[in-house]
Protein backbone atom coordinates (compact mmCIF):
# COMPACT_ATOMS: atom_id res chain seq x y z
CA UNK A 1 130.61 65.89 126.05
CA UNK A 2 126.50 65.84 125.24
CA UNK A 3 125.49 68.14 128.13
CA UNK A 4 128.67 70.38 127.28
CA UNK A 5 127.60 70.61 123.44
CA UNK A 6 123.84 71.46 124.77
CA UNK A 7 125.32 73.99 126.87
CA UNK A 8 127.34 75.59 123.48
CA UNK A 9 123.99 75.32 121.91
CA UNK A 10 122.16 77.29 124.35
CA UNK A 11 125.10 80.09 124.53
CA UNK A 12 124.49 80.69 120.73
CA UNK A 13 122.27 82.27 118.58
CA UNK A 14 119.58 80.70 116.76
CA UNK A 15 120.51 79.24 113.12
CA UNK A 16 120.51 81.55 110.34
CA UNK A 17 118.35 80.17 107.50
CA UNK A 18 119.22 81.63 104.27
CA UNK A 19 116.38 82.98 102.80
CA UNK A 20 116.51 85.85 99.65
CA UNK A 21 113.19 86.84 99.58
CA UNK A 22 113.65 89.86 102.17
CA UNK A 23 112.41 93.05 100.06
CA UNK A 24 115.08 95.39 101.49
CA UNK A 25 115.76 94.78 105.27
CA UNK A 26 119.24 93.59 105.28
CA UNK A 27 119.00 90.53 107.59
CA UNK A 28 116.56 87.67 106.27
CA UNK A 29 116.24 85.68 109.62
CA UNK A 30 114.55 86.42 112.92
CA UNK A 31 116.73 88.71 115.23
CA UNK A 32 119.54 86.32 117.25
CA UNK A 33 118.95 85.86 120.88
CA UNK A 34 121.78 86.95 123.12
CA UNK A 35 122.48 85.03 125.75
CA UNK A 36 124.80 86.35 128.63
CA UNK A 37 128.03 84.62 129.22
CA UNK A 38 126.67 83.99 133.06
CA UNK A 39 123.39 83.39 132.72
CA UNK A 40 121.57 83.30 136.17
CA UNK A 41 120.02 79.94 136.94
CA UNK A 42 116.54 80.68 138.56
CA UNK A 43 113.66 78.02 139.18
CA UNK A 44 112.21 77.38 135.50
CA UNK A 45 108.92 76.35 135.03
CA UNK A 46 107.20 75.67 131.96
CA UNK A 47 103.82 74.35 130.74
CA UNK A 48 105.52 72.34 128.07
CA UNK A 49 107.80 69.16 128.93
CA UNK A 50 111.59 70.21 129.41
CA UNK A 51 114.32 68.32 130.03
CA UNK A 52 114.11 68.25 133.57
CA UNK A 53 110.90 66.45 133.38
CA UNK A 54 112.26 63.44 131.35
CA UNK A 55 114.07 60.57 132.88
CA UNK A 56 117.48 59.65 132.41
CA UNK A 57 117.81 58.08 128.90
CA UNK A 58 114.95 60.19 127.61
CA UNK A 59 116.54 63.32 128.77
CA UNK A 60 119.71 62.14 127.32
CA UNK A 61 118.27 61.37 123.86
CA UNK A 62 116.42 65.11 123.88
CA UNK A 63 119.50 66.77 124.59
CA UNK A 64 121.45 64.65 121.91
CA UNK A 65 118.57 65.41 119.35
CA UNK A 66 118.52 69.09 120.14
CA UNK A 67 122.29 69.03 119.17
CA UNK A 68 122.57 66.83 116.16
CA UNK A 69 119.53 68.52 114.24
CA UNK A 70 121.30 71.79 114.75
CA UNK A 71 124.36 70.41 113.11
CA UNK A 72 122.30 69.17 109.90
CA UNK A 73 120.77 72.59 110.02
CA UNK A 74 124.27 74.52 109.53
CA UNK A 75 125.11 72.80 106.33
CA UNK A 76 121.48 73.24 104.95
CA UNK A 77 121.06 69.35 105.31
CA UNK A 78 117.06 69.86 105.81
CA UNK A 79 116.21 66.03 105.25
CA UNK A 80 118.40 64.94 107.88
CA UNK A 81 117.91 67.62 110.09
CA UNK A 82 113.85 66.89 110.17
CA UNK A 83 113.80 63.39 112.09
CA UNK A 84 115.89 64.49 114.61
CA UNK A 85 114.23 67.67 115.11
CA UNK A 86 110.93 66.07 115.34
CA UNK A 87 112.67 63.58 118.42
CA UNK A 88 113.66 67.11 119.90
CA UNK A 89 110.48 68.80 119.72
CA UNK A 90 108.56 65.22 120.60
CA UNK A 91 110.61 64.48 123.59
CA UNK A 92 110.98 68.43 124.91
CA UNK A 93 109.33 70.94 123.57
CA UNK A 94 109.79 73.25 126.51
CA UNK A 95 114.09 72.49 126.20
CA UNK A 96 114.99 74.03 129.17
CA UNK A 97 112.62 76.42 129.63
CA UNK A 98 114.24 79.15 128.25
CA UNK A 99 115.63 78.17 124.97
CA UNK A 100 113.19 78.15 122.27
CA UNK A 101 114.91 78.40 118.74
CA UNK A 102 113.86 75.01 117.68
CA UNK A 103 110.18 76.39 116.96
CA UNK A 104 111.69 78.63 114.64
CA UNK A 105 113.87 75.78 112.97
CA UNK A 106 111.00 73.55 112.71
CA UNK A 107 109.24 76.77 110.93
CA UNK A 108 112.40 76.88 108.84
CA UNK A 109 112.68 73.04 107.99
CA UNK A 110 108.95 72.82 106.59
CA UNK A 111 108.62 75.99 104.91
CA UNK A 112 111.81 74.85 103.00
CA UNK A 113 109.55 71.53 102.63
CA UNK A 114 106.83 73.99 100.94
CA UNK A 115 109.16 75.01 98.39
CA UNK A 116 110.56 71.67 97.47
CA UNK A 117 107.32 69.94 96.49
CA UNK A 118 104.28 71.22 93.83
CA UNK A 119 102.00 69.18 95.32
CA UNK A 120 99.30 71.40 96.83
CA UNK A 121 98.17 69.02 99.18
CA UNK A 122 101.45 68.44 100.44
CA UNK A 123 101.93 72.40 100.60
CA UNK A 124 98.74 72.69 102.84
CA UNK A 125 99.79 70.11 105.31
CA UNK A 126 103.17 71.65 105.64
CA UNK A 127 101.53 75.05 106.44
CA UNK A 128 99.20 73.47 108.74
CA UNK A 129 102.30 71.58 110.46
CA UNK A 130 103.95 75.02 110.82
CA UNK A 131 100.67 76.58 112.51
CA UNK A 132 101.11 73.74 114.95
CA UNK A 133 104.44 74.25 115.46
CA UNK A 134 103.80 78.36 116.29
CA UNK A 135 100.74 77.17 118.22
CA UNK A 136 102.79 75.07 120.48
CA UNK A 137 105.35 77.96 120.85
CA UNK A 138 102.93 80.44 122.21
CA UNK A 139 101.45 77.55 124.44
CA UNK A 140 105.13 77.11 125.71
CA UNK A 141 106.35 80.49 126.33
CA UNK A 142 103.83 82.84 125.37
CA UNK A 143 103.53 85.21 122.33
CA UNK A 144 104.97 89.15 122.54
CA UNK A 145 104.81 91.51 120.21
CA UNK A 146 108.03 90.51 118.68
CA UNK A 147 106.76 86.95 118.16
CA UNK A 148 103.69 87.83 116.28
CA UNK A 149 105.92 89.95 114.06
CA UNK A 150 107.77 87.22 113.27
CA UNK A 151 104.91 84.79 112.71
CA UNK A 152 103.74 87.67 110.25
CA UNK A 153 107.33 87.83 108.74
CA UNK A 154 107.46 84.05 108.22
CA UNK A 155 103.67 84.13 106.25
CA UNK A 156 105.00 86.64 104.26
CA UNK A 157 108.17 85.64 103.00
CA UNK A 158 107.78 81.93 103.03
CA UNK A 159 104.30 81.08 103.04
CA UNK A 160 102.86 84.02 100.60
CA UNK A 161 100.08 82.70 98.57
CA UNK A 162 99.47 79.67 101.18
CA UNK A 163 98.18 81.97 103.89
CA UNK A 164 95.60 84.35 102.78
CA UNK A 165 97.12 87.56 102.72
CA UNK A 166 94.47 89.44 104.83
CA UNK A 167 95.62 87.04 107.95
CA UNK A 168 99.12 88.26 107.13
CA UNK A 169 98.08 91.62 107.24
CA UNK A 170 96.12 91.74 110.33
CA UNK A 171 99.08 89.55 112.33
CA UNK A 172 101.35 92.36 111.26
CA UNK A 173 98.63 94.86 112.78
CA UNK A 174 98.19 92.77 115.73
CA UNK A 175 101.92 92.70 116.40
CA UNK A 176 101.95 96.25 116.16
CA UNK A 177 99.16 96.83 118.20
CA UNK A 178 100.80 94.44 120.91
CA UNK A 179 103.60 96.52 120.81
CA UNK A 180 101.74 99.64 121.29
CA UNK A 181 103.24 101.05 117.89
CA UNK A 182 106.89 99.94 118.42
CA UNK A 183 108.08 98.01 115.72
CA UNK A 184 110.91 95.66 114.92
CA UNK A 185 112.91 96.31 111.68
CA UNK A 186 112.14 93.27 110.06
CA UNK A 187 108.31 93.74 109.94
CA UNK A 188 108.25 97.65 108.55
CA UNK A 189 108.97 97.08 104.54
CA UNK A 190 106.50 93.93 104.28
CA UNK A 191 104.02 95.36 106.51
CA UNK A 192 104.24 98.61 104.46
CA UNK A 193 103.72 96.80 101.15
CA UNK A 194 100.57 95.33 102.34
CA UNK A 195 99.07 98.39 103.52
CA UNK A 196 100.15 100.34 100.52
CA UNK A 197 98.40 97.85 98.50
CA UNK A 198 95.17 97.22 100.49
CA UNK A 199 94.52 101.09 100.79
CA UNK A 200 94.97 101.46 96.99
CA UNK A 201 92.84 98.86 96.12
CA UNK A 202 90.08 99.82 98.61
CA UNK A 203 90.51 96.73 101.29
CA UNK A 204 91.84 99.02 104.15
CA UNK A 205 89.75 101.81 105.08
CA UNK A 206 91.33 105.51 104.57
CA UNK A 207 91.19 105.95 108.60
CA UNK A 208 92.90 102.73 109.56
CA UNK A 209 95.32 103.20 107.01
CA UNK A 210 96.42 106.35 107.56
CA UNK A 211 96.84 105.39 111.74
CA UNK A 212 99.68 102.58 110.67
CA UNK A 213 101.04 104.58 107.75
CA UNK A 214 101.62 107.33 110.65
CA UNK A 215 102.86 104.76 112.99
CA UNK A 216 105.22 103.16 110.28
CA UNK A 217 106.58 106.56 110.00
CA UNK A 218 107.27 106.91 113.83
CA UNK A 219 108.70 103.78 113.74
CA UNK A 220 111.38 104.90 111.38
CA UNK A 221 112.27 108.32 112.44
CA UNK A 222 112.94 106.46 116.40
CA UNK A 223 114.62 103.41 114.47
CA UNK A 224 116.93 106.34 112.50
CA UNK A 225 117.40 108.17 115.42
CA UNK A 226 118.31 105.56 118.22
CA UNK A 227 120.25 102.87 116.04
CA UNK A 228 124.03 102.00 116.64
CA UNK A 229 126.58 100.67 114.56
CA UNK A 230 125.54 98.26 111.87
CA UNK A 231 121.73 98.81 112.71
CA UNK A 232 121.91 101.88 111.34
CA UNK A 233 122.69 100.26 107.91
CA UNK A 234 119.45 98.28 107.74
CA UNK A 235 117.51 101.54 108.91
CA UNK A 236 119.06 103.27 106.38
CA UNK A 237 117.78 100.58 103.58
CA UNK A 238 114.04 100.67 105.53
CA UNK A 239 114.32 104.20 104.76
CA UNK A 240 114.82 104.00 101.21
CA UNK A 241 111.88 101.96 100.83
CA UNK A 242 108.64 102.45 103.17
CA UNK A 243 108.41 106.13 103.15
CA UNK A 244 108.29 106.15 99.12
CA UNK A 245 105.39 103.87 99.17
CA UNK A 246 103.77 105.93 102.13
CA UNK A 247 104.10 109.26 100.21
CA UNK A 248 102.54 107.24 97.26
CA UNK A 249 99.57 107.29 99.32
CA UNK A 250 99.39 111.00 99.38
CA UNK A 251 97.29 110.74 96.18
CA UNK A 252 94.44 108.88 98.28
CA UNK A 253 91.90 111.73 99.49
CA UNK A 254 91.70 112.54 103.12
CA UNK A 255 94.56 110.30 103.57
CA UNK A 256 96.91 112.18 105.28
CA UNK A 257 96.29 115.42 107.86
CA UNK A 258 97.42 119.02 107.80
CA UNK A 259 100.00 118.30 110.14
CA UNK A 260 101.61 115.75 108.01
CA UNK A 261 101.64 118.09 104.92
CA UNK A 262 102.75 120.80 106.30
CA UNK A 263 105.62 118.99 108.50
CA UNK A 264 106.75 118.13 105.10
CA UNK A 265 105.97 120.34 102.77
CA UNK A 266 106.65 123.55 104.78
CA UNK A 267 110.12 122.09 105.09
CA UNK A 268 110.85 121.90 101.79
CA UNK A 269 109.36 125.35 101.10
CA UNK A 270 111.64 126.74 103.60
CA UNK A 271 114.59 125.11 102.10
CA UNK A 272 113.96 126.32 98.65
CA UNK A 273 111.65 129.22 99.08
CA UNK A 274 112.29 130.71 95.59
CA UNK A 275 111.73 127.44 93.50
CA UNK A 276 107.85 128.06 92.30
CA UNK A 277 107.26 124.60 91.54
CA UNK A 278 108.19 123.92 95.13
CA UNK A 279 106.24 126.87 96.54
CA UNK A 280 102.95 125.65 94.51
CA UNK A 281 103.20 121.80 95.40
CA UNK A 282 103.76 123.17 99.28
CA UNK A 283 100.29 125.08 99.05
CA UNK A 284 98.54 122.76 97.38
CA UNK A 285 99.43 119.72 99.45
CA UNK A 286 98.78 121.84 102.79
CA UNK A 287 95.46 123.04 101.37
CA UNK A 288 94.82 119.35 100.43
CA UNK A 289 95.62 118.48 104.09
CA UNK A 290 92.54 120.60 105.44
CA UNK A 291 95.37 123.35 106.87
CA UNK A 292 92.95 126.38 107.86
CA UNK A 293 93.65 129.66 106.06
CA UNK A 294 95.04 131.25 109.53
CA UNK A 295 97.77 128.44 109.88
CA UNK A 296 101.07 130.45 109.90
CA UNK A 297 102.85 127.87 107.37
CA UNK A 298 100.12 128.32 104.83
CA UNK A 299 100.12 131.89 105.27
CA UNK A 300 103.72 132.16 104.85
CA UNK A 301 103.85 129.97 101.76
CA UNK A 302 100.76 131.58 100.02
CA UNK A 303 102.48 135.15 100.53
CA UNK A 304 105.52 133.67 98.53
CA UNK A 305 103.21 132.14 96.11
CA UNK A 306 101.22 135.31 95.66
CA UNK A 307 104.33 137.30 95.20
CA UNK A 308 107.07 135.40 93.54
CA UNK A 309 104.93 132.97 91.75
CA UNK A 310 101.59 134.49 90.74
CA UNK A 311 100.58 133.50 87.35
CA UNK A 312 97.39 135.28 85.68
CA UNK A 313 94.65 132.53 85.41
CA UNK A 314 92.89 131.82 82.11
CA UNK A 315 89.68 133.55 80.89
CA UNK A 316 87.04 132.06 82.62
CA UNK A 317 85.89 128.79 81.90
CA UNK A 318 86.78 125.28 82.34
CA UNK A 319 90.32 125.59 82.42
CA UNK A 320 90.20 128.22 85.24
CA UNK A 321 87.78 126.25 87.16
CA UNK A 322 90.74 123.08 86.60
CA UNK A 323 93.45 125.32 87.55
CA UNK A 324 91.68 126.30 90.83
CA UNK A 325 90.79 122.71 91.92
CA UNK A 326 94.63 122.06 90.94
CA UNK A 327 95.98 124.94 92.89
CA UNK A 328 94.01 123.80 96.38
CA UNK A 329 94.93 119.61 95.85
CA UNK A 330 91.46 118.72 94.52
CA UNK A 331 93.59 116.35 92.05
CA UNK A 332 90.44 114.43 90.81
CA UNK A 333 88.40 117.58 90.39
CA UNK A 334 91.05 118.63 88.40
CA UNK A 335 92.09 115.71 86.14
CA UNK A 336 88.21 115.52 85.05
CA UNK A 337 88.12 119.31 84.58
CA UNK A 338 91.28 119.16 82.29
CA UNK A 339 89.57 116.09 80.79
CA UNK A 340 86.45 117.74 79.95
CA UNK A 341 88.45 121.30 78.64
CA UNK A 342 90.90 118.38 75.92
CA UNK A 343 87.58 116.61 74.84
CA UNK A 344 85.30 119.56 74.36
CA UNK A 345 87.05 122.93 74.28
CA UNK A 346 90.82 122.57 73.22
CA UNK A 347 91.00 124.16 69.75
CA UNK A 348 93.95 121.85 68.43
CA UNK A 349 96.13 118.98 68.64
CA UNK A 350 98.45 120.76 70.48
CA UNK A 351 96.62 122.22 73.19
CA UNK A 352 95.38 118.66 73.65
CA UNK A 353 98.90 117.24 73.92
CA UNK A 354 100.05 119.99 76.22
CA UNK A 355 96.74 119.26 78.88
CA UNK A 356 97.26 115.82 78.35
CA UNK A 357 100.58 115.90 79.39
CA UNK A 358 99.71 117.97 82.46
CA UNK A 359 96.94 115.38 83.42
CA UNK A 360 99.97 112.83 83.12
CA UNK A 361 102.52 114.85 85.31
CA UNK A 362 99.42 115.20 87.98
CA UNK A 363 99.19 111.34 88.30
CA UNK A 364 102.50 110.83 88.44
CA UNK A 365 103.73 113.49 90.74
CA UNK A 366 100.28 114.14 93.11
CA UNK A 367 98.21 111.13 92.77
CA UNK A 368 101.01 108.64 92.33
CA UNK A 369 99.02 106.29 90.31
CA UNK A 370 101.60 105.56 87.53
CA UNK A 371 99.51 103.33 85.21
CA UNK A 372 97.27 106.26 84.35
CA UNK A 373 100.10 108.68 84.19
CA UNK A 374 101.28 106.34 81.26
CA UNK A 375 98.27 106.23 80.08
CA UNK A 376 97.72 109.57 79.42
CA UNK A 377 101.51 110.19 78.44
CA UNK A 378 100.94 107.83 75.32
CA UNK A 379 97.42 109.78 74.49
CA UNK A 380 99.66 113.02 74.62
CA UNK A 381 102.21 111.86 72.29
CA UNK A 382 99.46 110.29 69.89
CA UNK A 383 98.42 114.25 69.81
CA UNK A 384 101.66 115.58 69.01
CA UNK A 385 104.11 113.14 67.12
CA UNK A 386 107.99 113.66 67.70
CA UNK A 387 107.19 114.85 71.14
CA UNK A 388 109.89 113.34 73.44
CA UNK A 389 108.09 114.80 76.63
CA UNK A 390 105.82 112.11 76.88
CA UNK A 391 108.45 109.20 76.62
CA UNK A 392 110.70 111.13 79.05
CA UNK A 393 108.13 111.15 82.01
CA UNK A 394 107.24 107.67 81.43
CA UNK A 395 111.14 106.61 81.79
CA UNK A 396 110.81 108.46 84.68
CA UNK A 397 108.15 106.52 85.93
CA UNK A 398 109.70 103.08 85.38
CA UNK A 399 112.90 104.31 87.14
CA UNK A 400 110.85 105.30 89.98
CA UNK A 401 109.18 102.23 90.50
CA UNK A 402 112.04 100.62 92.29
CA UNK A 403 109.79 100.08 95.51
CA UNK A 404 106.34 99.03 93.51
CA UNK A 405 107.86 96.36 91.82
CA UNK A 406 110.66 95.29 94.28
CA UNK A 407 112.16 95.76 97.73
CA UNK A 408 114.03 99.05 96.39
CA UNK A 409 117.28 97.50 96.17
CA UNK A 410 118.20 93.95 94.27
CA UNK A 411 117.29 92.45 91.07
CA UNK A 412 113.21 93.11 90.97
CA UNK A 413 113.67 97.10 91.80
CA UNK A 414 116.96 97.13 89.14
CA UNK A 415 115.40 95.77 86.09
CA UNK A 416 112.92 98.64 86.10
CA UNK A 417 116.28 100.66 84.74
CA UNK A 418 116.16 98.43 81.50
CA UNK A 419 112.42 99.84 79.90
CA UNK A 420 113.04 103.66 81.40
CA UNK A 421 116.29 103.53 79.73
CA UNK A 422 114.54 102.16 76.53
CA UNK A 423 111.96 105.28 76.63
CA UNK A 424 114.93 107.84 77.29
CA UNK A 425 116.83 106.56 74.50
CA UNK A 426 113.49 106.58 72.09
CA UNK A 427 112.74 110.29 73.41
CA UNK A 428 116.21 112.04 72.37
CA UNK A 429 115.96 109.64 68.98
CA UNK A 430 112.79 112.02 68.10
CA UNK A 431 113.02 115.01 70.09
CA UNK A 432 116.68 116.44 69.99
CA UNK A 433 115.19 119.30 72.75
CA UNK A 434 115.18 116.67 75.41
CA UNK A 435 118.82 114.84 74.39
CA UNK A 436 120.50 116.71 77.44
CA UNK A 437 117.97 115.54 80.35
CA UNK A 438 117.80 112.02 78.63
CA UNK A 439 121.97 111.70 78.83
CA UNK A 440 121.88 112.54 82.10
CA UNK A 441 119.16 110.31 83.46
CA UNK A 442 120.59 107.64 81.03
CA UNK A 443 124.02 107.75 82.77
CA UNK A 444 122.52 108.11 86.14
CA UNK A 445 120.78 105.19 85.94
CA UNK A 446 123.13 102.84 84.30
CA UNK A 447 124.70 102.65 87.53
CA UNK A 448 121.79 101.01 89.04
CA UNK A 449 121.36 98.26 86.56
CA UNK A 450 122.15 94.69 87.62
CA UNK A 451 125.63 93.58 86.90
CA UNK A 452 127.16 90.63 84.97
CA UNK A 453 127.31 88.52 88.15
CA UNK A 454 123.44 88.88 88.55
CA UNK A 455 122.75 88.26 84.76
CA UNK A 456 125.09 85.16 85.02
CA UNK A 457 123.42 84.05 88.22
CA UNK A 458 120.31 83.90 87.02
CA UNK A 459 121.55 81.97 83.50
CA UNK A 460 120.73 84.86 81.33
CA UNK A 461 122.72 86.53 78.56
CA UNK A 462 123.25 90.52 77.90
CA UNK A 463 121.50 91.25 74.75
CA UNK A 464 118.84 88.75 75.28
CA UNK A 465 115.09 90.07 75.43
CA UNK A 466 113.42 90.07 78.76
CA UNK A 467 109.72 90.80 79.90
CA UNK A 468 109.69 93.21 82.79
CA UNK A 469 106.48 92.40 85.19
CA UNK A 470 104.63 94.16 87.84
CA UNK A 471 102.92 97.14 86.26
CA UNK A 472 105.37 98.05 83.52
CA UNK A 473 104.90 94.81 81.47
CA UNK A 474 107.29 95.45 78.78
CA UNK A 475 109.68 93.97 76.79
CA UNK A 476 113.31 95.02 76.73
CA UNK A 477 116.87 93.84 76.40
CA UNK A 478 119.49 92.81 79.28
CA UNK A 479 122.28 95.32 80.27
CA UNK A 480 124.64 95.14 82.95
CA UNK A 481 126.35 98.14 84.76
CA UNK A 482 129.61 96.66 84.56
């Protein structure tokens, strides 16, 4: 019976461990190992001790332990599983020379122990044990790109704060390099988040960051193009998250090249060639990317900009210089010049408010610096009391923060809708001219709020006060979508 049970165990996939911290990837565990119904039985060698290396009684103990600890994991009984797993791992780390899921199960067990203790010394001990298990797995079975990616995934979701962030990031990069740019779906979102943060805070270079950002973009494109069946839903979830973060890096000078901007914004221009906002944006971004004047795509956009979207420049001075810088995608220079105009030359509060709001929009739309955009929107509101536009923009900033503050789906990304709606409600209460747009946005984003079940699971009550963290850091009221 034991041998039959073991064979059944080998034929099954790895046990799925229910971890709820994955940012947007639907499956939260390592992809299952699929074994054919009639596997070949070649001679198997392994540098680690296998069942076949053990004498009869020990072999039976090992085979039995491999089956019994799995039974306990199936019912999430980690306490009972641990000593049995230890026996299996100690007796035959090489198993039958092919099955290696016991290493992943060991990582899962000790990761669970990490979450169950507040003792920092015990946490460090458990992390050291996880590292030992991972090293043993590599000794026994080697390490390909998928396994290195899985290790980084475990560090990110199970051991974040216990394994240095730079190590997690570099482990992801190692997996990508080993795979020659190809990526397993489950590493894309966490790696993209780390990449985004490290470029923004200057701990990753523009050159290196751009290289990996383009690899991520290609991996998503390839994944969407080649997926089949349920895989496609996973790739759609990834596509709702990672590209938003990567687009945010357009605000970093020199991050993307002409080809990136031309491929993206020339396509948008072709789709809506009569929309001057799109035309001007396409021109700015292509110039920002260094597209030469003789680039056929840039020439086409410029021709439309010059004919259909021409706006006479203001009189020579700071404003003219600011608009010229802005039209060329020189956003930081433009912001400084608009700021100078507001501080030195603006004749009244109305003008100050207008250009402070323009700076806010540059930070929002072009530079993707949401805290700075909010700062300037509030300054604009001070200059012009009773104006709803600044609060409309702040609400849009909050509503757009799902990928920044969470996985793009789920609780952390949904709660940003509450302060967003607060701002739109306030905007229409002080300025009737924005009421129609505010109502449209409120009705749209109500559907994205958490539902009653989400609230109940967290022992919260609708109507109660709630503090939204991330960069928003505001108090709001709990509301549900149903």
